[in-house]
Amino acid sequence: MNDSSATAIPPRTIDVLSDVVCPWCYIGKRQLESALPAAADRAHVRWHPFELNPDLPREGIPRRQYVETKFGARGRADEVYARVRAAGENVGLRLDFERIVRQPNTFDAHRLIAWAQSRSDATMADRLVEALFRAFFVDGRDIGHRDELADIAAASGFERLEARSMLDSDEAAADVMEMRRRVREMGVGGVPFFIFDGKVAVSGAQPPDVLQEAMAQARGA
């Protein structure tokens, strides 16, 4: 889409369903950032939980075990990761799958994002989401561990003790569970999943021009 006037005004709200252990969601985040115009501060991006592996134990499982269960032969995993790594490099991301030791349950990470969005502006919440993606896919950190999550929250501008206290409580747990139910009802089968102004939805880590077209449709709807 080449008409720059169509991207001059961003949608008022952009709802993004994603999981912080989904590499395509990290890539999709970069695609969205590229699609938004300079006036993107007028768009309110809201992050919503989509748990790729809700049945994992809270402490997670070894990454090797997860990969073998998911892909079977290691060769197939290497094939898939090579494709994802190349897609990441195209948007400026250097994904380091070899550094990942543990596959986490992301329930607490989603609770942390919900908590952050309830008490801060969109910029700080986005900073936290970005930090979680980076911690997992670049640094290989265990983002299912509450101490790690509290450290990431602190590095994103939140009070560490407050974040740790929240994680030790049941705060935002009902919100994540409710979104799990709603996602099933909506029939969303994969992420990232973008909804522009509650009118136009786009599934997958689509190129910026596809996202811009969806934004234009949402404004005209």
Foldseek 3Di string as FASTA:
>chain_A
DPDVVLQPDFFQEKEWEDFLVDLQQLLLVLQQVVLHDPVCVNYQYHYAYDWPCQPAPLAFAFPVVVCCVVPPDVVRVVVVVVVSQVSQVVSPDRFDPVLATGDHGCLLVRLLLVVDVVPDGRVLSVLLSNLSSCCCGPVNDHCSDLLVSLVSSVVSPDHSVVSSVSSVDCHCSVVNVVVNVVCVVVVDDDDGWMAGNVPFIDHTSDHSVVVSVRRSVVVVD
